[in-house]
Protein backbone atom coordinates (compact mmCIF):
# COMPACT_ATOMS: atom_id res chain seq x y z
CA MET A 1 13.31 7.67 29.32
CA MET A 2 12.12 10.39 31.68
CA LYS A 3 9.03 8.35 32.54
CA VAL A 4 11.17 5.29 33.29
CA TYR A 5 13.45 7.40 35.50
CA LEU A 6 10.48 8.84 37.40
CA LEU A 7 9.04 5.36 37.94
CA TRP A 8 12.41 4.10 39.18
CA HIS A 9 12.79 7.09 41.50
CA HIS A 10 9.30 6.53 42.91
CA TYR A 11 9.60 2.78 43.45
CA LYS A 12 13.35 2.27 43.95
CA LYS A 13 13.10 1.63 47.71
CA THR A 14 10.37 -0.95 47.25
CA LEU A 15 12.20 -2.59 44.33
CA THR A 16 15.47 -2.69 46.28
CA LEU A 17 13.80 -4.24 49.30
CA ALA A 18 12.01 -6.77 47.09
CA LEU A 19 15.34 -7.73 45.51
CA LEU A 20 16.98 -8.19 48.92
CA LEU A 21 14.11 -10.34 50.17
CA PHE A 22 14.27 -12.39 46.98
CA ILE A 23 18.01 -12.98 47.46
CA PHE A 24 17.54 -14.05 51.08
CA SER A 25 14.65 -16.31 50.09
CA ASN A 26 16.93 -18.05 47.58
CA ILE A 27 19.68 -18.41 50.20
CA PHE A 28 17.17 -19.91 52.64
CA VAL A 29 15.84 -22.44 50.13
CA GLN A 30 19.28 -23.39 48.80
CA GLY A 31 20.60 -23.83 52.33
CA PHE A 32 17.89 -26.32 53.28
CA ALA A 33 18.20 -28.03 49.88
CA ASP A 34 21.92 -28.54 50.53
CA LEU A 35 21.08 -29.83 54.02
CA ALA A 36 18.73 -32.38 52.46
CA VAL A 37 21.63 -33.65 50.35
CA ALA A 38 24.09 -33.71 53.25
CA GLU A 39 21.85 -35.28 55.90
CA PHE A 40 18.76 -36.84 54.36
CA GLY A 41 19.93 -38.63 51.25
CA ALA A 42 18.70 -36.20 48.59
CA SER A 43 20.52 -36.85 45.32
CA SER A 44 20.96 -33.22 44.25
CA SER A 45 20.12 -29.66 45.25
CA SER A 46 20.72 -28.09 41.83
CA LEU A 47 18.18 -25.86 40.10
CA SER A 48 17.45 -28.40 37.38
CA SER A 49 16.84 -31.15 39.96
CA ALA A 50 14.19 -28.95 41.60
CA CYS A 51 11.79 -29.58 38.71
CA LYS A 52 9.63 -32.46 39.98
CA TRP A 53 6.01 -33.61 39.87
CA ASP A 54 3.79 -30.83 38.47
CA CYS A 55 6.88 -29.12 37.08
CA GLY A 56 7.48 -32.31 35.12
CA TRP A 57 4.02 -32.00 33.59
CA TYR A 58 4.76 -28.42 32.59
CA ALA A 59 8.08 -29.60 31.13
CA SER A 60 6.15 -32.06 28.96
CA ILE A 61 4.18 -29.11 27.55
CA VAL A 62 7.38 -27.13 26.94
CA ASN A 63 9.03 -30.08 25.18
CA GLU A 64 6.13 -31.78 23.39
CA GLY A 65 3.10 -29.52 23.56
CA TYR A 66 -0.24 -30.78 24.79
CA PHE A 67 -0.90 -34.50 24.32
CA LEU A 68 -3.40 -35.71 21.76
CA GLU A 69 -4.65 -38.40 24.14
CA PRO A 70 -4.03 -39.60 27.71
CA LYS A 71 -0.94 -41.75 28.09
CA GLU A 72 0.58 -41.21 31.55
CA HIS A 73 0.11 -42.91 34.95
CA GLU A 74 -0.03 -46.69 35.26
CA ALA A 75 -3.56 -46.74 33.87
CA GLY A 76 -2.56 -44.57 30.92
CA ASN A 77 -5.42 -42.21 31.74
CA ALA A 78 -3.51 -38.98 32.49
CA ALA A 79 -2.66 -36.11 30.16
CA ASN A 80 -1.13 -32.68 30.58
CA TRP A 81 -4.39 -30.93 29.73
CA ALA A 82 -4.96 -30.14 33.42
CA PHE A 83 -2.06 -27.67 33.33
CA PHE A 84 -2.90 -24.25 31.94
CA PRO A 85 -0.79 -22.71 29.15
CA LEU A 86 0.54 -19.31 30.23
CA PHE A 87 3.30 -20.56 32.54
CA PRO A 88 4.77 -23.12 30.09
CA LEU A 89 4.53 -20.57 27.26
CA LEU A 90 6.66 -18.15 29.26
CA ALA A 91 9.10 -20.95 30.07
CA ILE A 92 9.37 -21.81 26.36
CA ALA A 93 10.59 -18.26 25.76
CA VAL A 94 13.18 -18.60 28.56
CA LYS A 95 14.28 -21.99 27.21
CA ASN A 96 14.77 -20.65 23.69
CA ILE A 97 16.51 -17.44 24.75
CA PHE A 98 19.05 -19.13 27.03
CA GLY A 99 19.29 -22.53 25.35
CA ILE A 100 18.59 -24.45 28.56
CA SER A 101 16.49 -27.48 29.48
CA ALA A 102 12.74 -27.23 29.96
CA GLY A 103 13.02 -28.03 33.67
CA LEU A 104 15.61 -25.34 34.31
CA ALA A 105 13.61 -22.82 32.27
CA LEU A 106 10.52 -23.51 34.37
CA VAL A 107 12.45 -23.10 37.63
CA ILE A 108 14.02 -19.83 36.47
CA THR A 109 10.62 -18.56 35.30
CA SER A 110 9.03 -19.28 38.67
CA LYS A 111 11.91 -17.58 40.49
CA PHE A 112 11.64 -14.49 38.31
CA PHE A 113 7.96 -14.18 39.09
CA LEU A 114 8.70 -14.62 42.79
CA LEU A 115 10.86 -11.50 42.61
CA ILE A 116 8.17 -9.38 40.99
CA ALA A 117 5.45 -11.02 43.12
CA ILE A 118 7.22 -9.73 46.24
CA PHE A 119 7.27 -6.25 44.73
CA ALA A 120 3.64 -6.48 43.57
CA PHE A 121 2.33 -7.49 46.99
CA MET A 122 4.37 -4.80 48.73
CA LEU A 123 2.89 -2.29 46.28
CA LEU A 124 -0.63 -3.57 46.96
CA VAL A 125 -0.25 -3.36 50.74
CA GLU A 126 1.36 0.08 50.50
CA LYS A 127 -1.58 1.40 48.49
CA GLU A 128 -4.11 -0.11 50.89
CA LEU A 129 -2.43 0.36 54.29
CA GLY A 130 0.50 2.73 53.85
CA SER A 131 4.25 2.32 53.45
CA LYS A 132 4.91 1.11 57.01
CA LYS A 133 3.23 -2.24 56.32
CA LYS A 134 5.01 -3.07 53.07
CA ILE A 135 8.08 -4.61 54.75
CA LEU A 136 5.91 -7.13 56.56
CA ALA A 137 4.13 -7.78 53.28
CA GLY A 138 7.41 -8.53 51.52
CA PHE A 139 8.47 -10.94 54.25
CA LEU A 140 5.16 -12.81 54.05
CA VAL A 141 5.80 -13.56 50.38
CA ALA A 142 9.57 -14.17 50.46
CA PHE A 143 9.34 -16.47 53.50
CA ASN A 144 5.94 -17.99 52.92
CA PRO A 145 5.77 -21.35 54.75
CA TYR A 146 5.20 -22.89 51.32
CA ILE A 147 7.90 -20.83 49.62
CA ILE A 148 9.32 -23.98 48.01
CA TYR A 149 6.61 -23.81 45.33
CA ALA A 150 7.90 -20.44 44.12
CA HIS A 151 11.36 -21.91 43.51
CA VAL A 152 10.64 -25.19 41.71
CA GLY A 153 8.76 -24.53 38.48
CA TYR A 154 5.20 -24.32 39.81
CA THR A 155 2.70 -21.56 38.96
CA GLU A 156 2.37 -20.13 42.48
CA SER A 157 4.57 -17.08 41.93
CA LEU A 158 3.07 -16.19 38.53
CA TYR A 159 -0.46 -16.59 39.88
CA PHE A 160 0.33 -14.51 42.98
CA PHE A 161 1.94 -11.74 40.93
CA LEU A 162 -1.01 -11.45 38.55
CA THR A 163 -3.53 -11.54 41.40
CA SER A 164 -1.71 -8.84 43.37
CA MET A 165 -1.37 -6.55 40.37
CA ALA A 166 -5.01 -7.11 39.42
CA PHE A 167 -6.07 -5.90 42.86
CA VAL A 168 -3.77 -2.89 42.52
CA ALA A 169 -5.39 -2.05 39.18
CA LEU A 170 -8.86 -2.65 40.63
CA LYS A 171 -8.20 -0.20 43.45
CA GLN A 172 -7.06 2.41 40.94
CA HIS A 173 -10.09 1.80 38.68
CA GLN A 174 -7.88 0.81 35.77
CA TRP A 175 -10.53 -1.40 34.22
CA ILE A 176 -8.71 -2.38 31.04
CA MET A 177 -5.60 -3.25 33.03
CA VAL A 178 -7.67 -5.38 35.40
CA GLY A 179 -9.13 -7.22 32.42
CA PHE A 180 -5.72 -7.71 30.83
CA LEU A 181 -4.14 -9.05 34.04
CA THR A 182 -7.03 -11.33 34.91
CA GLY A 183 -7.22 -12.57 31.34
CA LEU A 184 -3.65 -13.76 31.89
CA LEU A 185 -4.69 -15.06 35.31
CA SER A 186 -7.41 -17.22 33.78
CA ALA A 187 -4.76 -18.61 31.40
CA THR A 188 -2.67 -19.56 34.44
CA ARG A 189 -5.28 -21.34 36.59
CA VAL A 190 -8.97 -21.98 36.15
CA VAL A 191 -9.71 -20.06 39.38
CA GLY A 192 -8.50 -16.90 37.64
CA ILE A 193 -11.95 -16.63 36.08
CA LEU A 194 -13.35 -16.10 39.58
CA PHE A 195 -11.98 -12.55 39.57
CA LEU A 196 -15.26 -11.79 37.81
CA PHE A 197 -16.91 -11.68 41.25
CA PRO A 198 -14.84 -8.92 42.90
CA TYR A 199 -14.90 -7.08 39.56
CA PHE A 200 -18.70 -7.13 39.47
CA PHE A 201 -18.80 -6.11 43.13
CA GLN A 202 -16.86 -2.98 42.22
CA LEU A 203 -19.61 -2.06 39.76
CA PHE A 204 -22.40 -2.43 42.31
CA SER A 205 -20.52 -0.84 45.21
CA GLN A 206 -19.53 2.22 43.18
CA PHE A 207 -22.44 2.44 40.77
CA SER A 208 -22.55 6.23 41.13
CA LEU A 209 -19.27 6.37 39.17
CA PHE A 210 -20.91 4.75 36.15
CA ARG A 211 -24.51 5.96 36.31
CA ASN A 212 -24.00 9.13 34.29
CA ASN A 213 -20.73 8.25 32.57
CA PHE A 214 -21.35 6.03 29.57
CA SER A 215 -17.71 6.03 28.39
CA LEU A 216 -16.53 4.85 31.82
CA LEU A 217 -19.17 2.11 31.86
CA LEU A 218 -18.07 1.05 28.37
CA THR A 219 -14.46 0.85 29.57
CA PHE A 220 -15.57 -1.22 32.55
CA LEU A 221 -17.47 -3.62 30.29
CA LEU A 222 -14.47 -3.98 27.99
CA GLY A 223 -12.34 -4.91 31.00
CA LEU A 224 -15.03 -7.41 31.97
CA LEU A 225 -14.87 -9.06 28.56
CA LEU A 226 -11.10 -9.51 28.87
CA ILE A 227 -11.27 -11.53 32.12
CA PRO A 228 -12.33 -14.86 30.54
CA VAL A 229 -10.11 -14.49 27.46
CA GLY A 230 -7.34 -16.73 28.84
CA LEU A 231 -9.67 -19.53 29.86
CA GLY A 232 -11.75 -19.15 26.71
CA GLY A 233 -8.66 -19.27 24.52
CA TYR A 234 -7.45 -22.44 26.21
CA MET A 235 -10.87 -24.06 25.89
CA LEU A 236 -10.96 -23.22 22.18
CA TYR A 237 -7.49 -24.71 21.75
CA LEU A 238 -8.49 -27.92 23.54
CA HIS A 239 -11.64 -28.18 21.43
CA LEU A 240 -9.58 -27.93 18.25
CA HIS A 241 -6.72 -30.10 19.57
CA VAL A 242 -8.51 -32.99 21.30
CA GLY A 243 -12.19 -32.35 20.63
CA ASP A 244 -13.10 -31.49 24.23
CA ALA A 245 -13.12 -27.87 25.41
CA LEU A 246 -13.39 -29.06 29.03
CA ALA A 247 -10.58 -31.61 28.79
CA PHE A 248 -8.69 -29.74 31.55
CA SER A 249 -11.57 -30.59 33.90
CA HIS A 250 -12.48 -34.06 32.64
CA ILE A 251 -8.87 -35.29 32.92
CA GLN A 252 -8.92 -34.64 36.67
CA VAL A 253 -10.34 -38.15 37.16
CA ALA A 254 -6.78 -39.42 36.54
CA TRP A 255 -5.86 -37.82 39.88
CA GLY A 256 -9.01 -39.05 41.61
CA ARG A 257 -10.67 -35.63 41.60
CA SER A 258 -14.26 -34.76 40.86
CA LEU A 259 -16.60 -31.97 41.91
CA SER A 260 -18.53 -32.49 45.14
CA ASN A 261 -19.91 -30.46 48.03
CA PRO A 262 -16.99 -28.38 49.42
CA PHE A 263 -18.53 -28.19 52.88
CA THR A 264 -18.93 -31.96 53.00
CA ASN A 265 -15.26 -32.33 52.06
CA LEU A 266 -14.32 -29.81 54.75
CA TRP A 267 -16.34 -31.59 57.43
CA PHE A 268 -14.98 -35.05 56.62
CA GLY A 269 -11.45 -33.65 56.48
CA LEU A 270 -11.78 -32.07 59.91
CA MET A 271 -13.20 -35.29 61.36
CA GLU A 272 -10.80 -37.74 59.70
CA GLY A 273 -7.65 -36.71 61.56
CA GLY A 274 -4.02 -36.72 60.48
CA ARG A 275 -2.97 -35.16 57.20
CA SER A 276 -6.55 -34.67 56.02
CA THR A 277 -7.37 -32.58 59.08
CA TYR A 278 -4.24 -30.48 58.61
CA MET A 279 -5.24 -29.68 55.02
CA ALA A 280 -8.86 -29.07 55.96
CA PHE A 281 -7.78 -26.58 58.62
CA PHE A 282 -6.24 -24.42 55.90
CA ALA A 283 -9.57 -24.25 54.08
CA LEU A 284 -11.24 -23.38 57.38
CA PHE A 285 -8.63 -20.70 58.14
CA SER A 286 -9.16 -19.26 54.66
CA LEU A 287 -12.91 -19.00 55.19
CA ILE A 288 -12.36 -17.43 58.62
CA MET A 289 -9.94 -14.96 57.04
CA SER A 290 -12.62 -14.13 54.48
CA GLY A 291 -14.91 -13.27 57.37
CA TRP A 292 -12.21 -11.08 58.91
CA LEU A 293 -11.81 -9.23 55.62
CA LEU A 294 -15.57 -8.74 55.40
CA ILE A 295 -15.68 -7.30 58.92
CA ASP A 296 -12.82 -4.94 58.03
CA LYS A 297 -14.76 -3.95 54.87
CA TYR A 298 -12.25 -5.31 52.37
CA TYR A 299 -15.13 -6.86 50.50
CA HIS A 300 -13.45 -7.51 47.14
CA TYR A 301 -10.61 -9.45 48.81
CA ALA A 302 -13.08 -11.46 50.86
CA ILE A 303 -15.24 -12.32 47.86
CA PHE A 304 -12.29 -13.57 45.82
CA LEU A 305 -10.82 -15.53 48.74
CA ILE A 306 -14.12 -17.31 49.39
CA CYS A 307 -14.41 -18.26 45.72
CA VAL A 308 -10.83 -19.51 45.31
CA THR A 309 -11.14 -21.54 48.52
CA LEU A 310 -14.43 -23.25 47.77
CA LEU A 311 -13.65 -24.30 44.18
CA PRO A 312 -10.47 -26.31 45.02
CA LEU A 313 -12.17 -27.60 48.19
CA ALA A 314 -14.98 -28.95 46.00
CA THR A 315 -12.45 -31.27 44.32
CA GLY A 316 -10.88 -32.53 47.57
CA LEU A 317 -8.29 -31.59 50.17
CA ASP A 318 -5.05 -32.21 48.29
CA SER A 319 -2.68 -29.23 48.03
CA LEU A 320 -5.01 -26.89 49.96
CA PRO A 321 -2.23 -25.51 52.23
CA ARG A 322 -0.23 -24.15 49.30
CA TYR A 323 -3.36 -23.00 47.47
CA VAL A 324 -4.41 -20.94 50.49
CA MET A 325 -0.96 -19.62 51.40
CA TRP A 326 -0.44 -18.36 47.84
CA GLN A 327 -3.61 -16.30 47.74
CA ALA A 328 -2.94 -12.56 47.86
CA PRO A 329 -6.14 -11.80 49.84
CA PHE A 330 -5.16 -14.36 52.49
CA LEU A 331 -1.71 -12.83 52.95
CA PHE A 332 -3.31 -9.37 52.95
CA GLY A 333 -5.51 -10.57 55.79
CA LEU A 334 -2.41 -11.81 57.62
CA VAL A 335 -0.91 -8.33 57.36
CA LEU A 336 -4.03 -6.96 59.06
CA VAL A 337 -4.01 -9.65 61.76
CA PHE A 338 -0.29 -9.36 62.52
CA ASP A 339 -0.54 -5.59 62.68
CA ARG A 340 -3.35 -5.83 65.23
CA PHE A 341 -1.85 -8.70 67.25
CA PRO A 342 1.98 -8.38 67.25
CA LEU A 343 2.49 -11.59 69.27
CA LEU A 344 0.93 -13.57 66.43
CA LYS A 345 3.56 -12.09 64.12
CA LEU A 346 6.28 -13.80 66.17
CA LEU A 347 4.41 -17.11 66.33
CA GLY A 348 3.68 -16.91 62.61
CA GLY A 349 7.34 -16.30 61.84
CA VAL A 350 8.41 -19.35 63.84
CA TYR A 351 5.77 -21.49 62.13
CA ALA A 352 6.69 -20.20 58.66
CA ALA A 353 10.41 -20.83 59.14
CA GLY A 354 9.83 -24.34 60.46
CA ILE A 355 7.38 -25.42 57.78
CA ALA A 356 9.35 -23.75 54.98
CA GLY A 357 12.60 -25.48 55.93
CA PHE A 358 10.84 -28.82 56.36
CA MET A 359 9.08 -28.53 53.00
CA VAL A 360 12.32 -27.65 51.18
CA MET A 361 14.10 -30.70 52.60
CA ALA A 362 11.09 -32.92 51.89
CA TRP A 363 10.95 -31.66 48.31
CA PHE A 364 14.57 -32.37 47.48
CA SER A 365 14.39 -35.70 49.35
CA GLY A 366 11.57 -36.81 47.05
CA ARG A 367 8.76 -37.06 49.61
CA VAL A 368 5.57 -37.41 47.59
CA PHE A 369 3.33 -35.66 50.13
CA VAL A 370 4.72 -32.30 48.95
CA ILE A 371 3.04 -32.62 45.54
């Protein structure tokens, strides 16, 4: 009990601020959802009605488990194997505890992780840059221009929380904790496995820590072995369940996705115009931000951001804005940029508010481009 009290005393200001930002984020989203009903023909703004599109796929996992064979889409070639298991497993627990629908459980789960994601990112920024920057950090999460995805049963908030806490643990050299968190991360999205790269960088950049300390090196290697556990466990399950350990990748053809040259996709997106150019710009901004982080010597953030930008870009441009805006290293870079150029903070706030409100109304109005 004393340890819990000391932790509360140490973090109570950050936790309180995170809770306030979470409440205001919910008010913001609900307000624009209600506006979509009142002015734009949306049928409902309730929590359960927020579960659409990918949330529906997760709901199928909660209700039925993973399919034995493809059966969705008009061609009958889609299955829920593309959606990783940690998030729906957590939602199953919420569903069973509260006796609610799968959709509502997924929405509540994503909202809960938004709350602790705000806290986690504030904690990360405080440890890297000091306490004065943590308020800005909290605002960047709570009023992300793509905040809608943290309120509607998608994995963004869970992924962001795990990533932020993994970087906190990495900074503190808590190798087993890094492995545990990123093992969960790789059970949330396939890109979670890419945390191997900043983890390895830590070994090479601080090799003097390990050179004459075998027990520390052993601990580091144990943490390393934990990183792919989530992905490996899911692959083993798919192998036993459907006979294809890579079914999560192979099923992407149902959505018209396949691996190709990410730089070719970026170039064609920038040249095509319209929506494709808008999405491609986010990939470009992410790569530029990686360069900024490298210049500022935040190498582990830059390495991870490059990796998690190029892999989705290799499959196409769809959803890149939300992928980029829910990367902890990208938002960390924004904290650095806004701190150095205060005018950009104002412009960024205006942009975030406009896009966030628009996306909320589009979501509840059923506009398919938000998927």
